[in-house]
N, C-alpha and C. Protein backbone atom coordinates (compact mmCIF):
# COMPACT_ATOMS: atom_id res chain seq x y z
N MET A 1 0.83 -1.20 0.00
CA MET A 1 0.00 0.00 0.00
C MET A 1 0.86 1.25 0.00
N ALA A 2 1.95 1.20 0.79
CA ALA A 2 2.85 2.35 0.85
C ALA A 2 3.49 2.59 -0.52
N ASP A 3 3.89 1.51 -1.19
CA ASP A 3 4.48 1.64 -2.52
C ASP A 3 3.50 2.25 -3.51
N ALA A 4 2.23 1.83 -3.41
CA ALA A 4 1.21 2.38 -4.31
C ALA A 4 1.02 3.87 -4.07
N GLY A 5 1.01 4.26 -2.78
CA GLY A 5 0.87 5.67 -2.45
C GLY A 5 2.05 6.49 -2.96
N GLU A 6 3.25 5.95 -2.81
CA GLU A 6 4.44 6.64 -3.30
C GLU A 6 4.42 6.79 -4.82
N ALA A 7 3.88 5.77 -5.49
CA ALA A 7 3.78 5.83 -6.95
C ALA A 7 2.81 6.93 -7.38
N ILE A 8 1.73 7.08 -6.65
CA ILE A 8 0.76 8.14 -6.95
C ILE A 8 1.40 9.51 -6.79
N ILE A 9 2.11 9.70 -5.67
CA ILE A 9 2.76 10.98 -5.40
C ILE A 9 3.82 11.26 -6.47
N ALA A 10 4.60 10.24 -6.82
CA ALA A 10 5.65 10.42 -7.83
C ALA A 10 5.05 10.84 -9.17
N LYS A 11 3.92 10.25 -9.52
CA LYS A 11 3.26 10.59 -10.78
C LYS A 11 2.79 12.04 -10.77
N LEU A 12 2.24 12.49 -9.65
CA LEU A 12 1.78 13.88 -9.54
C LEU A 12 2.96 14.84 -9.60
N ASP A 13 4.06 14.48 -8.94
CA ASP A 13 5.26 15.32 -8.97
C ASP A 13 5.78 15.44 -10.40
N ASP A 14 5.71 14.35 -11.14
CA ASP A 14 6.20 14.35 -12.52
C ASP A 14 5.35 15.27 -13.40
N VAL A 15 4.03 15.23 -13.19
CA VAL A 15 3.14 16.11 -13.96
C VAL A 15 3.47 17.57 -13.68
N ALA A 16 3.67 17.91 -12.40
CA ALA A 16 3.97 19.29 -12.04
C ALA A 16 5.32 19.73 -12.59
N ALA A 17 6.31 18.84 -12.50
CA ALA A 17 7.64 19.17 -13.01
C ALA A 17 7.59 19.47 -14.50
N LYS A 18 6.89 18.63 -15.25
CA LYS A 18 6.78 18.84 -16.69
C LYS A 18 6.05 20.14 -16.98
N CYS A 19 5.06 20.46 -16.17
CA CYS A 19 4.29 21.67 -16.39
C CYS A 19 5.14 22.92 -16.16
N PHE A 20 5.80 23.01 -15.01
CA PHE A 20 6.47 24.25 -14.63
C PHE A 20 7.90 24.35 -15.13
N ILE A 21 8.60 23.21 -15.21
CA ILE A 21 9.98 23.25 -15.72
C ILE A 21 9.98 23.39 -17.24
N GLU A 22 9.25 22.53 -17.91
CA GLU A 22 9.29 22.54 -19.37
C GLU A 22 8.72 23.83 -19.96
N LYS A 23 7.81 24.47 -19.24
CA LYS A 23 7.23 25.71 -19.75
C LYS A 23 8.01 26.94 -19.31
N GLY A 24 9.13 26.72 -18.62
CA GLY A 24 10.07 27.80 -18.36
C GLY A 24 9.79 28.68 -17.17
N PHE A 25 8.95 28.25 -16.24
CA PHE A 25 8.62 29.10 -15.09
C PHE A 25 9.59 28.95 -13.92
N THR A 26 10.32 27.86 -13.85
CA THR A 26 11.20 27.63 -12.70
C THR A 26 12.53 28.35 -12.89
N TYR A 27 13.20 28.59 -11.77
CA TYR A 27 14.51 29.23 -11.82
C TYR A 27 15.49 28.41 -12.65
N ARG A 28 15.47 27.11 -12.50
CA ARG A 28 16.48 26.28 -13.18
C ARG A 28 16.41 26.44 -14.69
N LYS A 29 15.22 26.71 -15.22
CA LYS A 29 15.08 26.88 -16.67
C LYS A 29 15.45 28.30 -17.11
N ARG A 30 15.55 29.21 -16.15
CA ARG A 30 15.84 30.60 -16.51
C ARG A 30 17.28 31.01 -16.18
N ARG A 31 18.09 30.10 -15.66
CA ARG A 31 19.46 30.44 -15.31
C ARG A 31 20.34 30.61 -16.56
N ASN A 32 21.21 31.58 -16.48
CA ASN A 32 22.19 31.81 -17.54
C ASN A 32 23.19 30.65 -17.52
N PRO A 33 23.31 29.89 -18.59
CA PRO A 33 24.23 28.75 -18.59
C PRO A 33 25.69 29.16 -18.38
N LEU A 34 26.00 30.42 -18.66
CA LEU A 34 27.37 30.92 -18.47
C LEU A 34 27.57 31.51 -17.08
N ASP A 35 26.47 31.80 -16.40
CA ASP A 35 26.54 32.36 -15.05
C ASP A 35 25.32 31.88 -14.27
N PRO A 36 25.42 30.75 -13.56
CA PRO A 36 24.27 30.17 -12.85
C PRO A 36 23.64 31.09 -11.83
N GLY A 37 24.36 32.15 -11.43
CA GLY A 37 23.79 33.09 -10.46
C GLY A 37 22.91 34.14 -11.09
N GLU A 38 22.78 34.12 -12.41
CA GLU A 38 21.99 35.12 -13.12
C GLU A 38 20.78 34.47 -13.78
N LEU A 39 19.63 35.13 -13.67
CA LEU A 39 18.42 34.65 -14.32
C LEU A 39 18.19 35.42 -15.61
N LEU A 40 17.81 34.71 -16.64
CA LEU A 40 17.52 35.33 -17.93
C LEU A 40 16.06 35.09 -18.27
N ASP A 41 15.26 36.13 -18.24
CA ASP A 41 13.87 36.00 -18.67
C ASP A 41 13.32 37.38 -19.02
N SER A 42 12.17 37.37 -19.63
CA SER A 42 11.51 38.63 -20.00
C SER A 42 10.16 38.75 -19.30
N PHE A 43 9.97 38.02 -18.20
CA PHE A 43 8.70 38.08 -17.48
C PHE A 43 8.55 39.43 -16.79
N VAL A 44 7.37 40.01 -16.91
CA VAL A 44 7.10 41.33 -16.35
C VAL A 44 6.14 41.19 -15.17
N PRO A 45 6.53 41.71 -14.00
CA PRO A 45 5.63 41.62 -12.83
C PRO A 45 4.27 42.24 -13.13
N GLY A 46 3.23 41.57 -12.67
CA GLY A 46 1.87 42.07 -12.87
C GLY A 46 1.20 41.52 -14.11
N THR A 47 1.92 40.76 -14.92
CA THR A 47 1.33 40.18 -16.11
C THR A 47 0.73 38.81 -15.80
N ILE A 48 -0.22 38.39 -16.61
CA ILE A 48 -0.90 37.11 -16.45
C ILE A 48 -0.49 36.19 -17.60
N HIS A 49 -0.16 34.94 -17.26
CA HIS A 49 0.28 33.98 -18.27
C HIS A 49 -0.63 32.76 -18.24
N THR A 50 -1.06 32.34 -19.41
CA THR A 50 -1.96 31.20 -19.53
C THR A 50 -1.15 29.94 -19.82
N VAL A 51 -1.33 28.93 -19.00
CA VAL A 51 -0.67 27.64 -19.18
C VAL A 51 -1.65 26.72 -19.89
N THR A 52 -1.23 26.17 -21.01
CA THR A 52 -2.12 25.31 -21.80
C THR A 52 -1.48 23.95 -22.04
N GLY A 53 -2.31 23.03 -22.51
CA GLY A 53 -1.81 21.71 -22.87
C GLY A 53 -1.39 20.86 -21.69
N ILE A 54 -2.06 21.05 -20.56
CA ILE A 54 -1.73 20.28 -19.36
C ILE A 54 -3.00 19.65 -18.80
N ASN A 55 -2.82 18.67 -17.95
CA ASN A 55 -3.94 18.06 -17.25
C ASN A 55 -4.15 18.83 -15.95
N SER A 56 -5.07 19.78 -15.96
CA SER A 56 -5.22 20.64 -14.79
C SER A 56 -5.69 19.87 -13.56
N ALA A 57 -6.41 18.76 -13.76
CA ALA A 57 -6.83 17.95 -12.62
C ALA A 57 -5.63 17.38 -11.88
N SER A 58 -4.63 16.90 -12.65
CA SER A 58 -3.44 16.33 -12.03
C SER A 58 -2.58 17.41 -11.36
N VAL A 59 -2.52 18.59 -11.98
CA VAL A 59 -1.77 19.69 -11.36
C VAL A 59 -2.45 20.11 -10.06
N ARG A 60 -3.75 20.13 -10.06
CA ARG A 60 -4.49 20.46 -8.85
C ARG A 60 -4.26 19.40 -7.76
N LEU A 61 -4.29 18.14 -8.14
CA LEU A 61 -4.02 17.06 -7.18
C LEU A 61 -2.60 17.14 -6.63
N PHE A 62 -1.66 17.55 -7.47
CA PHE A 62 -0.29 17.75 -6.99
C PHE A 62 -0.27 18.77 -5.86
N ALA A 63 -0.99 19.87 -6.05
CA ALA A 63 -1.03 20.91 -5.02
C ALA A 63 -1.69 20.39 -3.73
N LEU A 64 -2.77 19.65 -3.88
CA LEU A 64 -3.43 19.08 -2.70
C LEU A 64 -2.49 18.11 -1.99
N SER A 65 -1.68 17.39 -2.78
CA SER A 65 -0.74 16.44 -2.16
C SER A 65 0.36 17.18 -1.42
N LEU A 66 0.75 18.36 -1.89
CA LEU A 66 1.74 19.16 -1.16
C LEU A 66 1.22 19.51 0.23
N LEU A 67 -0.03 19.95 0.27
CA LEU A 67 -0.64 20.30 1.55
C LEU A 67 -0.73 19.08 2.45
N TRP A 68 -1.19 17.97 1.91
CA TRP A 68 -1.31 16.75 2.72
C TRP A 68 0.04 16.29 3.23
N ARG A 69 1.04 16.26 2.35
CA ARG A 69 2.38 15.81 2.75
C ARG A 69 2.96 16.69 3.85
N ALA A 70 2.80 17.99 3.70
CA ALA A 70 3.34 18.91 4.70
C ALA A 70 2.64 18.74 6.04
N ALA A 71 1.32 18.55 5.99
CA ALA A 71 0.54 18.46 7.23
C ALA A 71 0.84 17.18 8.01
N VAL A 72 1.18 16.08 7.33
CA VAL A 72 1.44 14.82 8.03
C VAL A 72 2.92 14.63 8.34
N SER A 73 3.76 15.53 7.83
CA SER A 73 5.20 15.39 8.04
C SER A 73 5.61 15.79 9.46
N ASN A 74 6.67 15.15 9.93
CA ASN A 74 7.25 15.50 11.23
C ASN A 74 8.50 16.37 11.08
N LEU A 75 8.83 16.75 9.87
CA LEU A 75 10.02 17.57 9.65
C LEU A 75 9.81 18.99 10.18
N PRO A 76 10.83 19.58 10.78
CA PRO A 76 10.70 20.95 11.30
C PRO A 76 10.28 21.96 10.24
N ALA A 77 10.68 21.72 8.99
CA ALA A 77 10.36 22.66 7.92
C ALA A 77 8.86 22.81 7.69
N PHE A 78 8.08 21.82 8.13
CA PHE A 78 6.64 21.85 7.87
C PHE A 78 5.82 22.02 9.15
N GLU A 79 6.46 22.43 10.22
CA GLU A 79 5.75 22.49 11.50
C GLU A 79 4.67 23.57 11.54
N LEU A 80 4.73 24.53 10.62
CA LEU A 80 3.73 25.59 10.59
C LEU A 80 2.48 25.21 9.80
N VAL A 81 2.52 24.04 9.14
CA VAL A 81 1.39 23.62 8.31
C VAL A 81 0.50 22.68 9.11
N THR A 82 -0.72 23.10 9.35
CA THR A 82 -1.69 22.29 10.08
C THR A 82 -3.01 22.22 9.33
N VAL A 83 -3.61 21.05 9.34
CA VAL A 83 -4.90 20.83 8.69
C VAL A 83 -5.75 19.99 9.64
N ARG A 84 -7.00 20.32 9.79
CA ARG A 84 -7.88 19.56 10.68
C ARG A 84 -7.99 18.12 10.21
N PRO A 85 -8.06 17.16 11.15
CA PRO A 85 -8.05 15.73 10.80
C PRO A 85 -9.08 15.34 9.74
N LYS A 86 -10.31 15.84 9.85
CA LYS A 86 -11.34 15.48 8.88
C LYS A 86 -10.97 15.96 7.48
N ARG A 87 -10.44 17.16 7.40
CA ARG A 87 -10.04 17.70 6.10
C ARG A 87 -8.81 16.95 5.57
N LEU A 88 -7.93 16.58 6.46
CA LEU A 88 -6.74 15.84 6.06
C LEU A 88 -7.11 14.49 5.44
N GLU A 89 -8.09 13.83 6.04
CA GLU A 89 -8.55 12.57 5.49
C GLU A 89 -9.24 12.78 4.15
N ASP A 90 -9.97 13.88 4.01
CA ASP A 90 -10.61 14.22 2.74
C ASP A 90 -9.55 14.37 1.65
N LEU A 91 -8.48 15.10 1.96
CA LEU A 91 -7.39 15.29 1.01
C LEU A 91 -6.74 13.96 0.63
N ARG A 92 -6.48 13.13 1.62
CA ARG A 92 -5.85 11.83 1.37
C ARG A 92 -6.70 10.99 0.43
N GLN A 93 -8.00 10.98 0.66
CA GLN A 93 -8.88 10.16 -0.16
C GLN A 93 -8.96 10.68 -1.59
N ARG A 94 -8.94 11.99 -1.74
CA ARG A 94 -8.96 12.56 -3.09
C ARG A 94 -7.72 12.13 -3.87
N ILE A 95 -6.57 12.16 -3.19
CA ILE A 95 -5.32 11.78 -3.85
C ILE A 95 -5.36 10.31 -4.24
N LEU A 96 -5.82 9.45 -3.33
CA LEU A 96 -5.88 8.02 -3.63
C LEU A 96 -6.87 7.71 -4.74
N ASP A 97 -7.97 8.45 -4.77
CA ASP A 97 -9.03 8.20 -5.76
C ASP A 97 -8.81 8.93 -7.08
N ASP A 98 -7.72 9.72 -7.16
CA ASP A 98 -7.47 10.51 -8.36
C ASP A 98 -8.67 11.42 -8.66
N ASP A 99 -9.19 12.03 -7.62
CA ASP A 99 -10.39 12.85 -7.72
C ASP A 99 -10.12 14.22 -7.09
N PRO A 100 -9.79 15.24 -7.89
CA PRO A 100 -9.47 16.55 -7.35
C PRO A 100 -10.67 17.32 -6.82
N GLY A 101 -11.88 16.88 -7.17
CA GLY A 101 -13.07 17.60 -6.74
C GLY A 101 -13.23 18.91 -7.49
N ALA A 102 -14.18 19.70 -7.06
CA ALA A 102 -14.46 20.99 -7.71
C ALA A 102 -13.33 21.98 -7.45
N ALA A 103 -13.17 22.91 -8.38
CA ALA A 103 -12.08 23.88 -8.28
C ALA A 103 -12.19 24.79 -7.07
N ASP A 104 -13.40 24.97 -6.55
CA ASP A 104 -13.57 25.85 -5.39
C ASP A 104 -13.56 25.09 -4.07
N GLU A 105 -13.23 23.79 -4.09
CA GLU A 105 -13.05 23.00 -2.87
C GLU A 105 -11.56 22.84 -2.61
N PHE A 106 -11.09 23.27 -1.44
CA PHE A 106 -9.66 23.35 -1.19
C PHE A 106 -8.99 24.02 -2.40
N PRO A 107 -9.39 25.25 -2.73
CA PRO A 107 -8.92 25.88 -3.97
C PRO A 107 -7.40 25.99 -4.04
N VAL A 108 -6.93 25.93 -5.28
CA VAL A 108 -5.49 25.94 -5.59
C VAL A 108 -5.24 26.96 -6.69
N TYR A 109 -4.18 27.73 -6.55
CA TYR A 109 -3.72 28.52 -7.68
C TYR A 109 -2.20 28.69 -7.60
N PHE A 110 -1.61 29.12 -8.72
CA PHE A 110 -0.16 29.24 -8.83
C PHE A 110 0.23 30.62 -9.32
N ALA A 111 1.42 31.04 -8.95
CA ALA A 111 2.04 32.25 -9.48
C ALA A 111 3.53 31.97 -9.59
N PHE A 112 4.27 32.92 -10.12
CA PHE A 112 5.72 32.75 -10.19
C PHE A 112 6.40 34.11 -10.08
N PHE A 113 7.66 34.10 -9.63
CA PHE A 113 8.41 35.33 -9.45
C PHE A 113 9.20 35.67 -10.71
N CYS A 114 9.30 36.97 -10.99
CA CYS A 114 10.11 37.41 -12.11
C CYS A 114 11.59 37.17 -11.78
N GLY A 115 12.47 37.43 -12.74
CA GLY A 115 13.88 37.11 -12.57
C GLY A 115 14.74 38.22 -12.03
N GLN A 116 14.16 39.28 -11.46
CA GLN A 116 14.97 40.38 -10.93
C GLN A 116 15.90 39.91 -9.82
N GLU A 117 15.42 39.00 -9.00
CA GLU A 117 16.22 38.47 -7.90
C GLU A 117 15.75 37.05 -7.60
N GLU A 118 16.68 36.12 -7.48
CA GLU A 118 16.30 34.75 -7.15
C GLU A 118 16.08 34.63 -5.65
N LEU A 119 14.88 34.26 -5.27
CA LEU A 119 14.57 34.13 -3.85
C LEU A 119 15.13 32.81 -3.31
N PRO A 120 15.52 32.78 -2.06
CA PRO A 120 16.04 31.54 -1.47
C PRO A 120 14.91 30.55 -1.23
N LYS A 121 15.28 29.31 -1.01
CA LYS A 121 14.27 28.32 -0.63
C LYS A 121 13.63 28.75 0.68
N ILE A 122 12.34 28.54 0.80
CA ILE A 122 11.62 28.96 1.99
C ILE A 122 10.58 27.91 2.35
N THR A 123 10.38 27.73 3.64
CA THR A 123 9.41 26.74 4.09
C THR A 123 7.99 27.23 3.85
N PRO A 124 7.01 26.32 3.77
CA PRO A 124 5.62 26.73 3.59
C PRO A 124 5.14 27.59 4.76
N PHE A 125 4.33 28.57 4.46
CA PHE A 125 3.77 29.39 5.53
C PHE A 125 2.43 29.97 5.08
N ARG A 126 1.76 30.55 6.04
CA ARG A 126 0.44 31.13 5.81
C ARG A 126 0.34 32.42 6.59
N PHE A 127 0.08 33.52 5.89
CA PHE A 127 -0.11 34.77 6.59
C PHE A 127 -1.34 34.69 7.48
N GLU A 128 -1.31 35.39 8.60
CA GLU A 128 -2.45 35.37 9.52
C GLU A 128 -3.72 35.81 8.80
N ARG A 129 -4.77 35.03 8.95
CA ARG A 129 -6.09 35.29 8.38
C ARG A 129 -6.11 35.16 6.85
N HIS A 130 -5.03 34.68 6.26
CA HIS A 130 -5.02 34.45 4.82
C HIS A 130 -5.56 33.04 4.55
N ALA A 131 -6.28 32.88 3.46
CA ALA A 131 -6.97 31.61 3.21
C ALA A 131 -6.06 30.51 2.66
N PHE A 132 -4.82 30.86 2.29
CA PHE A 132 -3.97 29.89 1.59
C PHE A 132 -2.61 29.72 2.26
N TYR A 133 -2.12 28.49 2.24
CA TYR A 133 -0.72 28.24 2.52
C TYR A 133 0.06 28.49 1.23
N ARG A 134 1.32 28.92 1.40
CA ARG A 134 2.18 29.16 0.25
C ARG A 134 3.32 28.15 0.25
N PHE A 135 3.49 27.48 -0.88
CA PHE A 135 4.59 26.55 -1.06
C PHE A 135 5.49 27.09 -2.16
N PHE A 136 6.77 27.23 -1.86
CA PHE A 136 7.71 27.80 -2.81
C PHE A 136 8.45 26.69 -3.55
N LEU A 137 8.35 26.72 -4.89
CA LEU A 137 8.84 25.63 -5.72
C LEU A 137 9.79 26.17 -6.78
N ASP A 138 10.99 26.58 -6.40
CA ASP A 138 12.00 27.00 -7.36
C ASP A 138 11.49 28.13 -8.26
N GLY A 139 10.99 29.18 -7.64
CA GLY A 139 10.50 30.33 -8.38
C GLY A 139 9.00 30.33 -8.62
N VAL A 140 8.39 29.16 -8.53
CA VAL A 140 6.93 29.03 -8.65
C VAL A 140 6.34 28.98 -7.24
N VAL A 141 5.19 29.61 -7.07
CA VAL A 141 4.51 29.60 -5.78
C VAL A 141 3.17 28.89 -5.93
N CYS A 142 2.94 27.91 -5.07
CA CYS A 142 1.68 27.17 -5.06
C CYS A 142 0.87 27.62 -3.86
N TYR A 143 -0.34 28.03 -4.08
CA TYR A 143 -1.24 28.46 -3.02
C TYR A 143 -2.33 27.40 -2.86
N VAL A 144 -2.48 26.88 -1.65
CA VAL A 144 -3.49 25.85 -1.38
C VAL A 144 -4.23 26.21 -0.11
N SER A 145 -5.55 26.15 -0.16
CA SER A 145 -6.34 26.43 1.03
C SER A 145 -6.57 25.16 1.84
N PRO A 146 -6.35 25.20 3.16
CA PRO A 146 -6.64 24.05 4.01
C PRO A 146 -8.11 23.97 4.40
N THR A 147 -8.89 24.92 3.90
CA THR A 147 -10.33 24.96 4.17
C THR A 147 -11.08 24.55 2.90
N LYS A 148 -12.05 23.67 3.05
CA LYS A 148 -12.73 23.13 1.88
C LYS A 148 -13.41 24.22 1.07
N ARG A 149 -14.10 25.11 1.73
CA ARG A 149 -14.76 26.21 1.02
C ARG A 149 -14.45 27.52 1.75
N PRO A 150 -13.28 28.07 1.56
CA PRO A 150 -12.90 29.31 2.25
C PRO A 150 -13.73 30.49 1.79
N GLN A 151 -13.89 31.44 2.66
CA GLN A 151 -14.64 32.65 2.34
C GLN A 151 -13.69 33.74 1.87
N ASP A 152 -14.26 34.73 1.22
CA ASP A 152 -13.52 35.91 0.79
C ASP A 152 -12.34 35.58 -0.13
N VAL A 153 -12.53 34.66 -1.05
CA VAL A 153 -11.46 34.33 -1.99
C VAL A 153 -11.88 34.57 -3.44
N ALA A 154 -12.97 35.28 -3.63
CA ALA A 154 -13.50 35.49 -4.98
C ALA A 154 -12.49 36.18 -5.89
N ARG A 155 -11.66 37.06 -5.32
CA ARG A 155 -10.71 37.79 -6.16
C ARG A 155 -9.63 36.88 -6.75
N PHE A 156 -9.48 35.69 -6.18
CA PHE A 156 -8.49 34.74 -6.70
C PHE A 156 -9.12 33.71 -7.64
N SER A 157 -10.43 33.69 -7.73
CA SER A 157 -11.12 32.56 -8.37
C SER A 157 -10.77 32.38 -9.84
N ARG A 158 -10.42 33.43 -10.54
CA ARG A 158 -10.07 33.29 -11.96
C ARG A 158 -8.83 32.44 -12.14
N PHE A 159 -8.01 32.33 -11.09
CA PHE A 159 -6.77 31.56 -11.17
C PHE A 159 -6.91 30.13 -10.66
N PHE A 160 -8.07 29.77 -10.10
CA PHE A 160 -8.22 28.45 -9.50
C PHE A 160 -7.98 27.36 -10.54
N VAL A 161 -7.07 26.46 -10.21
CA VAL A 161 -6.76 25.34 -11.11
C VAL A 161 -7.89 24.32 -11.04
N GLY A 162 -8.34 23.87 -12.20
CA GLY A 162 -9.43 22.90 -12.27
C GLY A 162 -10.70 23.48 -12.83
N ARG A 163 -10.73 24.78 -13.03
CA ARG A 163 -11.93 25.39 -13.63
C ARG A 163 -12.07 24.94 -15.09
N GLU A 164 -10.93 24.75 -15.76
CA GLU A 164 -10.92 24.26 -17.13
C GLU A 164 -10.04 23.01 -17.19
N ARG A 165 -10.32 22.14 -18.12
CA ARG A 165 -9.67 20.83 -18.15
C ARG A 165 -8.19 20.89 -18.47
N ASP A 166 -7.79 21.77 -19.40
CA ASP A 166 -6.41 21.73 -19.87
C ASP A 166 -5.72 23.09 -19.87
N THR A 167 -6.17 24.00 -19.03
CA THR A 167 -5.55 25.32 -18.98
C THR A 167 -5.80 25.98 -17.63
N PHE A 168 -4.89 26.85 -17.25
CA PHE A 168 -5.10 27.72 -16.09
C PHE A 168 -4.17 28.93 -16.22
N GLN A 169 -4.38 29.93 -15.39
CA GLN A 169 -3.61 31.16 -15.48
C GLN A 169 -2.71 31.33 -14.26
N MET A 170 -1.54 31.97 -14.49
CA MET A 170 -0.60 32.27 -13.44
C MET A 170 -0.19 33.73 -13.54
N GLY A 171 -0.06 34.39 -12.40
CA GLY A 171 0.41 35.76 -12.38
C GLY A 171 1.91 35.82 -12.11
N CYS A 172 2.58 36.82 -12.67
CA CYS A 172 4.00 37.04 -12.43
C CYS A 172 4.16 38.03 -11.29
N LEU A 173 4.89 37.64 -10.25
CA LEU A 173 5.07 38.46 -9.06
C LEU A 173 6.42 39.16 -9.09
N PRO A 174 6.51 40.36 -8.49
CA PRO A 174 7.82 41.02 -8.39
C PRO A 174 8.69 40.30 -7.36
N SER A 175 9.99 40.38 -7.53
CA SER A 175 10.88 39.71 -6.58
C SER A 175 11.81 40.69 -5.88
N SER A 176 12.62 41.43 -6.61
CA SER A 176 13.66 42.24 -5.98
C SER A 176 13.10 43.34 -5.09
N SER A 177 11.93 43.86 -5.44
CA SER A 177 11.36 44.93 -4.65
C SER A 177 10.30 44.44 -3.67
N SER A 178 10.14 43.12 -3.59
CA SER A 178 9.08 42.56 -2.78
C SER A 178 9.51 42.39 -1.33
N ALA A 179 8.62 42.75 -0.41
CA ALA A 179 8.89 42.51 1.01
C ALA A 179 8.99 41.02 1.27
N LEU A 180 8.38 40.23 0.39
CA LEU A 180 8.42 38.77 0.55
C LEU A 180 9.85 38.25 0.41
N ALA A 181 10.64 38.91 -0.45
CA ALA A 181 12.03 38.49 -0.60
C ALA A 181 12.78 38.66 0.71
N ARG A 182 12.60 39.80 1.35
CA ARG A 182 13.26 40.03 2.62
C ARG A 182 12.76 39.07 3.68
N GLN A 183 11.43 38.85 3.69
CA GLN A 183 10.86 37.94 4.68
C GLN A 183 11.37 36.52 4.46
N ALA A 184 11.50 36.12 3.20
CA ALA A 184 11.99 34.79 2.91
C ALA A 184 13.40 34.60 3.44
N LYS A 185 14.25 35.59 3.24
CA LYS A 185 15.63 35.49 3.70
C LYS A 185 15.70 35.46 5.22
N GLU A 186 14.88 36.30 5.86
CA GLU A 186 14.87 36.33 7.31
C GLU A 186 14.41 35.00 7.89
N GLN A 187 13.35 34.42 7.29
CA GLN A 187 12.85 33.14 7.78
C GLN A 187 13.87 32.03 7.56
N LEU A 188 14.55 32.05 6.40
CA LEU A 188 15.55 31.03 6.12
C LEU A 188 16.69 31.12 7.13
N LEU A 189 17.11 32.34 7.47
CA LEU A 189 18.18 32.52 8.44
C LEU A 189 17.76 31.99 9.81
N GLN A 190 16.53 32.31 10.22
CA GLN A 190 16.04 31.85 11.51
C GLN A 190 15.97 30.32 11.57
N LEU A 191 15.48 29.71 10.49
CA LEU A 191 15.39 28.25 10.46
C LEU A 191 16.78 27.61 10.47
N SER A 192 17.72 28.22 9.74
CA SER A 192 19.07 27.67 9.69
C SER A 192 19.73 27.74 11.05
N GLU A 193 19.50 28.85 11.75
CA GLU A 193 20.09 29.00 13.08
C GLU A 193 19.51 27.99 14.06
N LYS A 194 18.23 27.66 13.89
CA LYS A 194 17.56 26.77 14.83
C LYS A 194 17.74 25.30 14.49
N HIS A 195 17.70 24.97 13.19
CA HIS A 195 17.67 23.56 12.78
C HIS A 195 18.84 23.14 11.90
N GLY A 196 19.72 24.07 11.55
CA GLY A 196 20.78 23.72 10.61
C GLY A 196 20.27 23.83 9.18
N ASP A 197 20.99 23.25 8.24
CA ASP A 197 20.62 23.34 6.84
C ASP A 197 19.56 22.28 6.51
N ILE A 198 18.28 22.64 6.72
CA ILE A 198 17.21 21.66 6.55
C ILE A 198 16.97 21.33 5.07
N PHE A 199 17.53 22.12 4.17
CA PHE A 199 17.33 21.85 2.75
C PHE A 199 18.55 21.21 2.12
N GLY A 200 19.50 20.78 2.94
CA GLY A 200 20.74 20.23 2.41
C GLY A 200 20.54 19.07 1.46
N GLY A 201 19.57 18.21 1.74
CA GLY A 201 19.35 17.04 0.89
C GLY A 201 18.56 17.33 -0.36
N MET A 202 18.13 18.58 -0.55
CA MET A 202 17.28 18.91 -1.69
C MET A 202 18.02 19.70 -2.76
N ARG A 203 19.33 19.84 -2.63
CA ARG A 203 20.08 20.64 -3.59
C ARG A 203 20.17 19.92 -4.94
N GLU A 204 20.27 20.73 -5.99
CA GLU A 204 20.39 20.15 -7.32
C GLU A 204 21.73 19.47 -7.46
N ARG A 205 21.76 18.40 -8.22
CA ARG A 205 23.00 17.67 -8.47
C ARG A 205 23.37 17.80 -9.94
């Protein structure tokens, strides 16, 4: 059973990787081959980009699996992610059944940062009273709500993954001028001081 579950997760991870890496949204695809510390892209903050030719149900399930994995993990990096037991079981069953449900149930959307500044790896977090947890994925940000039907999220609904079968939209976020960049660095420093290099095993090879 454990092997079957791992196979499901691996398949979802593969779908997401092909979606975001192959379409050029991740940092690794935007790095200057002559200078890995430099990002090369023409993405403009505030613009909206339509992702097509993908299985949006699987991308949505990938996001739900991120939330489920973080909530059940004992790793210090995920200690801020909590989901009520009933909702956690709901998420688990959706993943096992390959059933993402309606787009407005545990809604999911994605955005990505422009190349002005590469943000460091950062653990998942949720602003106080915000409806979504944020997962940082190499320049791409995944937003997942731990509430089945959160309130006051209508302004995000156009971006909810699963509204259409093979397409969804992503917004481009500013990086170098963003307070989030500073917050990310501060949080990474605090975590490193407390727990050591918790991302050591996740570095690219």
